[in-house]
Amino acid sequence: MAYFKSFTSFTEAKLHAKERHQLPDSEFGLPSQRRYPLHDRAHVLAAVRMFNKVEPEYEEELARNIIRKMKEYNIPKETVGPDNRLRKYL
């Protein structure tokens, strides 16, 4: 079946409930809500992918925290796609 040749799979960042509860608030993109964990490279990349789903009132705070972590993990700005709203904060 030729149509499977172009299929690219990726693994989602997994975080078990116990591990999530042990993270300090500062390791989240939205600390007051403990949403968007940013404690490792995989989760920062996941937050970048999910950025367009955040409510507009939280967009600026989440962008600021993602960008800080992108710098920490040496994630290039080019990782952010052209249709991602995070791009306007870079």
PDB file of N, CA and C in Angstrom:
ATOM      1  N   MET A   1       0.830  -1.172   0.000  1.00  0.00           N
ATOM      2  CA  MET A   1       0.000   0.000   0.000  1.00  0.00           C
ATOM      3  C   MET A   1       0.883   1.247   0.000  1.00  0.00           C
ATOM      4  N   ALA A   2       0.946   1.889  -1.102  1.00  0.00           N
ATOM      5  CA  ALA A   2       1.853   3.007  -1.321  1.00  0.00           C
ATOM      6  C   ALA A   2       1.539   4.241  -0.490  1.00  0.00           C
ATOM      7  N   TYR A   3       0.289   4.438  -0.124  1.00  0.00           N
ATOM      8  CA  TYR A   3      -0.067   5.659   0.590  1.00  0.00           C
ATOM      9  C   TYR A   3       0.510   5.717   1.987  1.00  0.00           C
ATOM     10  N   PHE A   4       1.028   4.644   2.529  1.00  0.00           N
ATOM     11  CA  PHE A   4       1.645   4.656   3.849  1.00  0.00           C
ATOM     12  C   PHE A   4       3.092   5.146   3.815  1.00  0.00           C
ATOM     13  N   LYS A   5       3.692   5.244   2.645  1.00  0.00           N
ATOM     14  CA  LYS A   5       5.095   5.653   2.542  1.00  0.00           C
ATOM     15  C   LYS A   5       5.334   7.066   3.058  1.00  0.00           C
ATOM     16  N   SER A   6       4.362   7.964   2.873  1.00  0.00           N
ATOM     17  CA  SER A   6       4.571   9.339   3.297  1.00  0.00           C
ATOM     18  C   SER A   6       4.102   9.599   4.725  1.00  0.00           C
ATOM     19  N   PHE A   7       3.583   8.588   5.367  1.00  0.00           N
ATOM     20  CA  PHE A   7       3.088   8.736   6.735  1.00  0.00           C
ATOM     21  C   PHE A   7       4.257   8.872   7.695  1.00  0.00           C
ATOM     22  N   THR A   8       4.232   9.912   8.505  1.00  0.00           N
ATOM     23  CA  THR A   8       5.265  10.134   9.510  1.00  0.00           C
ATOM     24  C   THR A   8       4.605  10.058  10.876  1.00  0.00           C
ATOM     25  N   SER A   9       5.119   9.215  11.718  1.00  0.00           N
ATOM     26  CA  SER A   9       4.546   9.117  13.058  1.00  0.00           C
ATOM     27  C   SER A   9       5.453   9.843  14.045  1.00  0.00           C
ATOM     28  N   PHE A  10       4.862  10.280  15.114  1.00  0.00           N
ATOM     29  CA  PHE A  10       5.638  10.877  16.190  1.00  0.00           C
ATOM     30  C   PHE A  10       4.999  10.433  17.491  1.00  0.00           C
ATOM     31  N   THR A  11       5.792  10.421  18.524  1.00  0.00           N
ATOM     32  CA  THR A  11       5.266  10.024  19.815  1.00  0.00           C
ATOM     33  C   THR A  11       4.914  11.265  20.615  1.00  0.00           C
ATOM     34  N   GLU A  12       3.804  11.202  21.267  1.00  0.00           N
ATOM     35  CA  GLU A  12       3.387  12.307  22.124  1.00  0.00           C
ATOM     36  C   GLU A  12       4.175  12.247  23.423  1.00  0.00           C
ATOM     37  N   ALA A  13       4.386  13.383  24.003  1.00  0.00           N
ATOM     38  CA  ALA A  13       5.056  13.447  25.292  1.00  0.00           C
ATOM     39  C   ALA A  13       4.112  12.880  26.347  1.00  0.00           C
ATOM     40  N   LYS A  14       4.569  11.930  27.104  1.00  0.00           N
ATOM     41  CA  LYS A  14       3.738  11.295  28.138  1.00  0.00           C
ATOM     42  C   LYS A  14       4.182  11.764  29.511  1.00  0.00           C
ATOM     43  N   LEU A  15       3.216  12.030  30.347  1.00  0.00           N
ATOM     44  CA  LEU A  15       3.497  12.448  31.711  1.00  0.00           C
ATOM     45  C   LEU A  15       2.436  11.815  32.605  1.00  0.00           C
ATOM     46  N   HIS A  16       2.872  10.946  33.480  1.00  0.00           N
ATOM     47  CA  HIS A  16       1.940  10.279  34.380  1.00  0.00           C
ATOM     48  C   HIS A  16       1.466  11.239  35.470  1.00  0.00           C
ATOM     49  N   ALA A  17       0.290  11.001  35.990  1.00  0.00           N
ATOM     50  CA  ALA A  17      -0.326  11.887  36.988  1.00  0.00           C
ATOM     51  C   ALA A  17       0.600  12.125  38.182  1.00  0.00           C
ATOM     52  N   LYS A  18       1.239  11.075  38.662  1.00  0.00           N
ATOM     53  CA  LYS A  18       2.126  11.217  39.825  1.00  0.00           C
ATOM     54  C   LYS A  18       3.286  12.157  39.510  1.00  0.00           C
ATOM     55  N   GLU A  19       3.872  12.001  38.316  1.00  0.00           N
ATOM     56  CA  GLU A  19       4.974  12.882  37.906  1.00  0.00           C
ATOM     57  C   GLU A  19       4.485  14.324  37.752  1.00  0.00           C
ATOM     58  N   ARG A  20       3.302  14.473  37.169  1.00  0.00           N
ATOM     59  CA  ARG A  20       2.732  15.807  36.963  1.00  0.00           C
ATOM     60  C   ARG A  20       2.513  16.525  38.297  1.00  0.00           C
ATOM     61  N   HIS A  21       2.003  15.820  39.291  1.00  0.00           N
ATOM     62  CA  HIS A  21       1.743  16.422  40.603  1.00  0.00           C
ATOM     63  C   HIS A  21       3.028  16.835  41.317  1.00  0.00           C
ATOM     64  N   GLN A  22       4.137  16.181  40.977  1.00  0.00           N
ATOM     65  CA  GLN A  22       5.406  16.493  41.621  1.00  0.00           C
ATOM     66  C   GLN A  22       6.105  17.715  41.012  1.00  0.00           C
ATOM     67  N   LEU A  23       5.648  18.154  39.842  1.00  0.00           N
ATOM     68  CA  LEU A  23       6.269  19.319  39.201  1.00  0.00           C
ATOM     69  C   LEU A  23       5.870  20.605  39.920  1.00  0.00           C
ATOM     70  N   PRO A  24       6.813  21.530  40.075  1.00  0.00           N
ATOM     71  CA  PRO A  24       6.456  22.832  40.650  1.00  0.00           C
ATOM     72  C   PRO A  24       5.633  23.638  39.636  1.00  0.00           C
ATOM     73  N   ASP A  25       4.852  24.569  40.128  1.00  0.00           N
ATOM     74  CA  ASP A  25       4.026  25.403  39.253  1.00  0.00           C
ATOM     75  C   ASP A  25       4.858  26.078  38.165  1.00  0.00           C
ATOM     76  N   SER A  26       6.085  26.437  38.491  1.00  0.00           N
ATOM     77  CA  SER A  26       6.941  27.153  37.549  1.00  0.00           C
ATOM     78  C   SER A  26       7.295  26.336  36.302  1.00  0.00           C
ATOM     79  N   GLU A  27       7.047  25.044  36.329  1.00  0.00           N
ATOM     80  CA  GLU A  27       7.344  24.184  35.185  1.00  0.00           C
ATOM     81  C   GLU A  27       6.165  24.053  34.221  1.00  0.00           C
ATOM     82  N   PHE A  28       5.161  24.908  34.378  1.00  0.00           N
ATOM     83  CA  PHE A  28       3.991  24.883  33.507  1.00  0.00           C
ATOM     84  C   PHE A  28       3.909  26.173  32.710  1.00  0.00           C
ATOM     85  N   GLY A  29       3.370  26.072  31.510  1.00  0.00           N
ATOM     86  CA  GLY A  29       3.184  27.249  30.673  1.00  0.00           C
ATOM     87  C   GLY A  29       2.175  28.217  31.258  1.00  0.00           C
ATOM     88  N   LEU A  30       1.170  27.663  31.935  1.00  0.00           N
ATOM     89  CA  LEU A  30       0.181  28.457  32.666  1.00  0.00           C
ATOM     90  C   LEU A  30       0.225  27.988  34.119  1.00  0.00           C
ATOM     91  N   PRO A  31       1.151  28.537  34.901  1.00  0.00           N
ATOM     92  CA  PRO A  31       1.392  28.055  36.272  1.00  0.00           C
ATOM     93  C   PRO A  31       0.163  28.070  37.180  1.00  0.00           C
ATOM     94  N   SER A  32      -0.657  29.109  37.104  1.00  0.00           N
ATOM     95  CA  SER A  32      -1.810  29.193  38.009  1.00  0.00           C
ATOM     96  C   SER A  32      -2.833  28.094  37.741  1.00  0.00           C
ATOM     97  N   GLN A  33      -2.832  27.560  36.526  1.00  0.00           N
ATOM     98  CA  GLN A  33      -3.763  26.489  36.161  1.00  0.00           C
ATOM     99  C   GLN A  33      -3.075  25.131  36.054  1.00  0.00           C
ATOM    100  N   ARG A  34      -1.762  25.139  36.152  1.00  0.00           N
ATOM    101  CA  ARG A  34      -0.948  23.926  36.003  1.00  0.00           C
ATOM    102  C   ARG A  34      -1.247  23.223  34.670  1.00  0.00           C
ATOM    103  N   ARG A  35      -1.307  24.043  33.627  1.00  0.00           N
ATOM    104  CA  ARG A  35      -1.536  23.530  32.278  1.00  0.00           C
ATOM    105  C   ARG A  35      -0.281  23.723  31.440  1.00  0.00           C
ATOM    106  N   TYR A  36      -0.099  22.887  30.446  1.00  0.00           N
ATOM    107  CA  TYR A  36       1.024  22.929  29.523  1.00  0.00           C
ATOM    108  C   TYR A  36       2.353  22.720  30.249  1.00  0.00           C
ATOM    109  N   PRO A  37       2.636  21.502  30.693  1.00  0.00           N
ATOM    110  CA  PRO A  37       3.920  21.225  31.345  1.00  0.00           C
ATOM    111  C   PRO A  37       5.075  21.492  30.377  1.00  0.00           C
ATOM    112  N   LEU A  38       6.125  22.107  30.897  1.00  0.00           N
ATOM    113  CA  LEU A  38       7.284  22.488  30.082  1.00  0.00           C
ATOM    114  C   LEU A  38       8.587  22.006  30.714  1.00  0.00           C
ATOM    115  N   HIS A  39       8.549  20.893  31.389  1.00  0.00           N
ATOM    116  CA  HIS A  39       9.707  20.428  32.164  1.00  0.00           C
ATOM    117  C   HIS A  39      10.772  19.715  31.343  1.00  0.00           C
ATOM    118  N   ASP A  40      10.486  19.395  30.071  1.00  0.00           N
ATOM    119  CA  ASP A  40      11.496  18.776  29.218  1.00  0.00           C
ATOM    120  C   ASP A  40      11.252  19.176  27.767  1.00  0.00           C
ATOM    121  N   ARG A  41      12.200  18.853  26.936  1.00  0.00           N
ATOM    122  CA  ARG A  41      12.144  19.247  25.519  1.00  0.00           C
ATOM    123  C   ARG A  41      10.882  18.730  24.824  1.00  0.00           C
ATOM    124  N   ALA A  42      10.533  17.483  25.057  1.00  0.00           N
ATOM    125  CA  ALA A  42       9.357  16.890  24.403  1.00  0.00           C
ATOM    126  C   ALA A  42       8.081  17.641  24.758  1.00  0.00           C
ATOM    127  N   HIS A  43       7.949  18.048  26.010  1.00  0.00           N
ATOM    128  CA  HIS A  43       6.752  18.766  26.430  1.00  0.00           C
ATOM    129  C   HIS A  43       6.735  20.207  25.911  1.00  0.00           C
ATOM    130  N   VAL A  44       7.898  20.816  25.766  1.00  0.00           N
ATOM    131  CA  VAL A  44       7.945  22.155  25.170  1.00  0.00           C
ATOM    132  C   VAL A  44       7.484  22.067  23.714  1.00  0.00           C
ATOM    133  N   LEU A  45       7.967  21.073  22.991  1.00  0.00           N
ATOM    134  CA  LEU A  45       7.553  20.888  21.603  1.00  0.00           C
ATOM    135  C   LEU A  45       6.058  20.596  21.506  1.00  0.00           C
ATOM    136  N   ALA A  46       5.537  19.825  22.454  1.00  0.00           N
ATOM    137  CA  ALA A  46       4.096  19.549  22.474  1.00  0.00           C
ATOM    138  C   ALA A  46       3.309  20.829  22.728  1.00  0.00           C
ATOM    139  N   ALA A  47       3.804  21.676  23.615  1.00  0.00           N
ATOM    140  CA  ALA A  47       3.126  22.946  23.902  1.00  0.00           C
ATOM    141  C   ALA A  47       3.146  23.858  22.681  1.00  0.00           C
ATOM    142  N   VAL A  48       4.228  23.838  21.930  1.00  0.00           N
ATOM    143  CA  VAL A  48       4.298  24.622  20.690  1.00  0.00           C
ATOM    144  C   VAL A  48       3.213  24.139  19.733  1.00  0.00           C
ATOM    145  N   ARG A  49       3.111  22.823  19.575  1.00  0.00           N
ATOM    146  CA  ARG A  49       2.094  22.259  18.668  1.00  0.00           C
ATOM    147  C   ARG A  49       0.681  22.589  19.119  1.00  0.00           C
ATOM    148  N   MET A  50       0.453  22.656  20.418  1.00  0.00           N
ATOM    149  CA  MET A  50      -0.888  22.872  20.959  1.00  0.00           C
ATOM    150  C   MET A  50      -1.217  24.351  21.193  1.00  0.00           C
ATOM    151  N   PHE A  51      -0.292  25.237  20.884  1.00  0.00           N
ATOM    152  CA  PHE A  51      -0.461  26.648  21.223  1.00  0.00           C
ATOM    153  C   PHE A  51      -1.749  27.250  20.667  1.00  0.00           C
ATOM    154  N   ASN A  52      -2.141  26.899  19.474  1.00  0.00           N
ATOM    155  CA  ASN A  52      -3.342  27.477  18.865  1.00  0.00           C
ATOM    156  C   ASN A  52      -4.625  27.099  19.606  1.00  0.00           C
ATOM    157  N   LYS A  53      -4.566  26.168  20.511  1.00  0.00           N
ATOM    158  CA  LYS A  53      -5.749  25.738  21.250  1.00  0.00           C
ATOM    159  C   LYS A  53      -5.971  26.516  22.554  1.00  0.00           C
ATOM    160  N   VAL A  54      -4.994  27.310  22.961  1.00  0.00           N
ATOM    161  CA  VAL A  54      -5.115  28.065  24.209  1.00  0.00           C
ATOM    162  C   VAL A  54      -6.111  29.215  24.030  1.00  0.00           C
ATOM    163  N   GLU A  55      -6.826  29.521  25.095  1.00  0.00           N
ATOM    164  CA  GLU A  55      -7.766  30.634  25.071  1.00  0.00           C
ATOM    165  C   GLU A  55      -6.993  31.937  24.898  1.00  0.00           C
ATOM    166  N   PRO A  56      -7.548  32.880  24.134  1.00  0.00           N
ATOM    167  CA  PRO A  56      -6.832  34.143  23.834  1.00  0.00           C
ATOM    168  C   PRO A  56      -6.341  34.898  25.067  1.00  0.00           C
ATOM    169  N   GLU A  57      -7.075  34.859  26.172  1.00  0.00           N
ATOM    170  CA  GLU A  57      -6.650  35.611  27.358  1.00  0.00           C
ATOM    171  C   GLU A  57      -5.387  35.039  28.011  1.00  0.00           C
ATOM    172  N   TYR A  58      -5.026  33.793  27.672  1.00  0.00           N
ATOM    173  CA  TYR A  58      -3.827  33.171  28.243  1.00  0.00           C
ATOM    174  C   TYR A  58      -2.679  33.099  27.242  1.00  0.00           C
ATOM    175  N   GLU A  59      -2.924  33.542  26.033  1.00  0.00           N
ATOM    176  CA  GLU A  59      -1.958  33.387  24.950  1.00  0.00           C
ATOM    177  C   GLU A  59      -0.609  34.047  25.252  1.00  0.00           C
ATOM    178  N   GLU A  60      -0.620  35.281  25.716  1.00  0.00           N
ATOM    179  CA  GLU A  60       0.629  36.005  25.949  1.00  0.00           C
ATOM    180  C   GLU A  60       1.473  35.352  27.048  1.00  0.00           C
ATOM    181  N   GLU A  61       0.836  34.960  28.135  1.00  0.00           N
ATOM    182  CA  GLU A  61       1.572  34.307  29.234  1.00  0.00           C
ATOM    183  C   GLU A  61       2.168  32.986  28.773  1.00  0.00           C
ATOM    184  N   LEU A  62       1.378  32.194  28.066  1.00  0.00           N
ATOM    185  CA  LEU A  62       1.874  30.909  27.578  1.00  0.00           C
ATOM    186  C   LEU A  62       3.014  31.122  26.591  1.00  0.00           C
ATOM    187  N   ALA A  63       2.879  32.078  25.696  1.00  0.00           N
ATOM    188  CA  ALA A  63       3.932  32.360  24.718  1.00  0.00           C
ATOM    189  C   ALA A  63       5.235  32.715  25.425  1.00  0.00           C
ATOM    190  N   ARG A  64       5.150  33.593  26.403  1.00  0.00           N
ATOM    191  CA  ARG A  64       6.343  34.026  27.146  1.00  0.00           C
ATOM    192  C   ARG A  64       7.044  32.817  27.784  1.00  0.00           C
ATOM    193  N   ASN A  65       6.280  31.927  28.391  1.00  0.00           N
ATOM    194  CA  ASN A  65       6.873  30.774  29.071  1.00  0.00           C
ATOM    195  C   ASN A  65       7.408  29.732  28.084  1.00  0.00           C
ATOM    196  N   ILE A  66       6.713  29.532  26.975  1.00  0.00           N
ATOM    197  CA  ILE A  66       7.218  28.593  25.961  1.00  0.00           C
ATOM    198  C   ILE A  66       8.522  29.114  25.376  1.00  0.00           C
ATOM    199  N   ILE A  67       8.569  30.395  25.036  1.00  0.00           N
ATOM    200  CA  ILE A  67       9.772  30.971  24.437  1.00  0.00           C
ATOM    201  C   ILE A  67      10.957  30.880  25.394  1.00  0.00           C
ATOM    202  N   ARG A  68      10.722  31.106  26.666  1.00  0.00           N
ATOM    203  CA  ARG A  68      11.793  30.972  27.675  1.00  0.00           C
ATOM    204  C   ARG A  68      12.352  29.547  27.667  1.00  0.00           C
ATOM    205  N   LYS A  69      11.451  28.568  27.615  1.00  0.00           N
ATOM    206  CA  LYS A  69      11.883  27.164  27.615  1.00  0.00           C
ATOM    207  C   LYS A  69      12.502  26.756  26.276  1.00  0.00           C
ATOM    208  N   MET A  70      12.021  27.345  25.176  1.00  0.00           N
ATOM    209  CA  MET A  70      12.646  27.062  23.877  1.00  0.00           C
ATOM    210  C   MET A  70      14.115  27.472  23.909  1.00  0.00           C
ATOM    211  N   LYS A  71      14.395  28.607  24.521  1.00  0.00           N
ATOM    212  CA  LYS A  71      15.780  29.064  24.644  1.00  0.00           C
ATOM    213  C   LYS A  71      16.582  28.117  25.524  1.00  0.00           C
ATOM    214  N   GLU A  72      15.983  27.696  26.632  1.00  0.00           N
ATOM    215  CA  GLU A  72      16.664  26.791  27.567  1.00  0.00           C
ATOM    216  C   GLU A  72      17.042  25.469  26.900  1.00  0.00           C
ATOM    217  N   TYR A  73      16.148  24.941  26.044  1.00  0.00           N
ATOM    218  CA  TYR A  73      16.384  23.651  25.393  1.00  0.00           C
ATOM    219  C   TYR A  73      16.931  23.800  23.974  1.00  0.00           C
ATOM    220  N   ASN A  74      17.341  25.014  23.613  1.00  0.00           N
ATOM    221  CA  ASN A  74      17.920  25.275  22.283  1.00  0.00           C
ATOM    222  C   ASN A  74      17.011  24.795  21.152  1.00  0.00           C
ATOM    223  N   ILE A  75      15.748  25.094  21.258  1.00  0.00           N
ATOM    224  CA  ILE A  75      14.788  24.753  20.218  1.00  0.00           C
ATOM    225  C   ILE A  75      14.709  25.947  19.267  1.00  0.00           C
ATOM    226  N   PRO A  76      15.016  25.746  17.994  1.00  0.00           N
ATOM    227  CA  PRO A  76      15.036  26.869  17.058  1.00  0.00           C
ATOM    228  C   PRO A  76      13.639  27.446  16.800  1.00  0.00           C
ATOM    229  N   LYS A  77      13.604  28.737  16.533  1.00  0.00           N
ATOM    230  CA  LYS A  77      12.335  29.418  16.248  1.00  0.00           C
ATOM    231  C   LYS A  77      11.644  28.833  15.026  1.00  0.00           C
ATOM    232  N   GLU A  78      12.429  28.274  14.121  1.00  0.00           N
ATOM    233  CA  GLU A  78      11.876  27.689  12.903  1.00  0.00           C
ATOM    234  C   GLU A  78      10.979  26.486  13.186  1.00  0.00           C
ATOM    235  N   THR A  79      11.023  25.991  14.410  1.00  0.00           N
ATOM    236  CA  THR A  79      10.157  24.882  14.818  1.00  0.00           C
ATOM    237  C   THR A  79       8.694  25.299  14.800  1.00  0.00           C
ATOM    238  N   VAL A  80       8.451  26.576  15.015  1.00  0.00           N
ATOM    239  CA  VAL A  80       7.087  27.105  15.060  1.00  0.00           C
ATOM    240  C   VAL A  80       6.596  27.298  13.631  1.00  0.00           C
ATOM    241  N   GLY A  81       5.529  26.598  13.293  1.00  0.00           N
ATOM    242  CA  GLY A  81       4.997  26.654  11.935  1.00  0.00           C
ATOM    243  C   GLY A  81       4.399  28.009  11.579  1.00  0.00           C
ATOM    244  N   PRO A  82       4.214  28.260  10.287  1.00  0.00           N
ATOM    245  CA  PRO A  82       3.722  29.566   9.827  1.00  0.00           C
ATOM    246  C   PRO A  82       2.289  29.873  10.279  1.00  0.00           C
ATOM    247  N   ASP A  83       1.492  28.862  10.540  1.00  0.00           N
ATOM    248  CA  ASP A  83       0.104  29.076  10.962  1.00  0.00           C
ATOM    249  C   ASP A  83      -0.070  29.059  12.481  1.00  0.00           C
ATOM    250  N   ASN A  84       1.023  28.903  13.202  1.00  0.00           N
ATOM    251  CA  ASN A  84       0.972  28.850  14.660  1.00  0.00           C
ATOM    252  C   ASN A  84       0.942  30.280  15.205  1.00  0.00           C
ATOM    253  N   ARG A  85      -0.028  30.581  16.057  1.00  0.00           N
ATOM    254  CA  ARG A  85      -0.156  31.931  16.621  1.00  0.00           C
ATOM    255  C   ARG A  85       1.046  32.317  17.491  1.00  0.00           C
ATOM    256  N   LEU A  86       1.813  31.340  17.954  1.00  0.00           N
ATOM    257  CA  LEU A  86       3.018  31.622  18.746  1.00  0.00           C
ATOM    258  C   LEU A  86       4.020  32.436  17.930  1.00  0.00           C
ATOM    259  N   ARG A  87       3.996  32.289  16.631  1.00  0.00           N
ATOM    260  CA  ARG A  87       4.944  32.961  15.745  1.00  0.00           C
ATOM    261  C   ARG A  87       4.963  34.475  15.940  1.00  0.00           C
ATOM    262  N   LYS A  88       3.815  35.069  16.247  1.00  0.00           N
ATOM    263  CA  LYS A  88       3.776  36.535  16.394  1.00  0.00           C
ATOM    264  C   LYS A  88       4.505  37.024  17.653  1.00  0.00           C
ATOM    265  N   TYR A  89       4.827  36.110  18.576  1.00  0.00           N
ATOM    266  CA  TYR A  89       5.535  36.474  19.808  1.00  0.00           C
ATOM    267  C   TYR A  89       7.040  36.263  19.698  1.00  0.00           C
ATOM    268  N   LEU A  90       7.485  35.632  18.629  1.00  0.00           N
ATOM    269  CA  LEU A  90       8.920  35.330  18.479  1.00  0.00           C
ATOM    270  C   LEU A  90       9.698  36.545  18.037  1.00  0.00           C
TER     271      LEU A  90
END
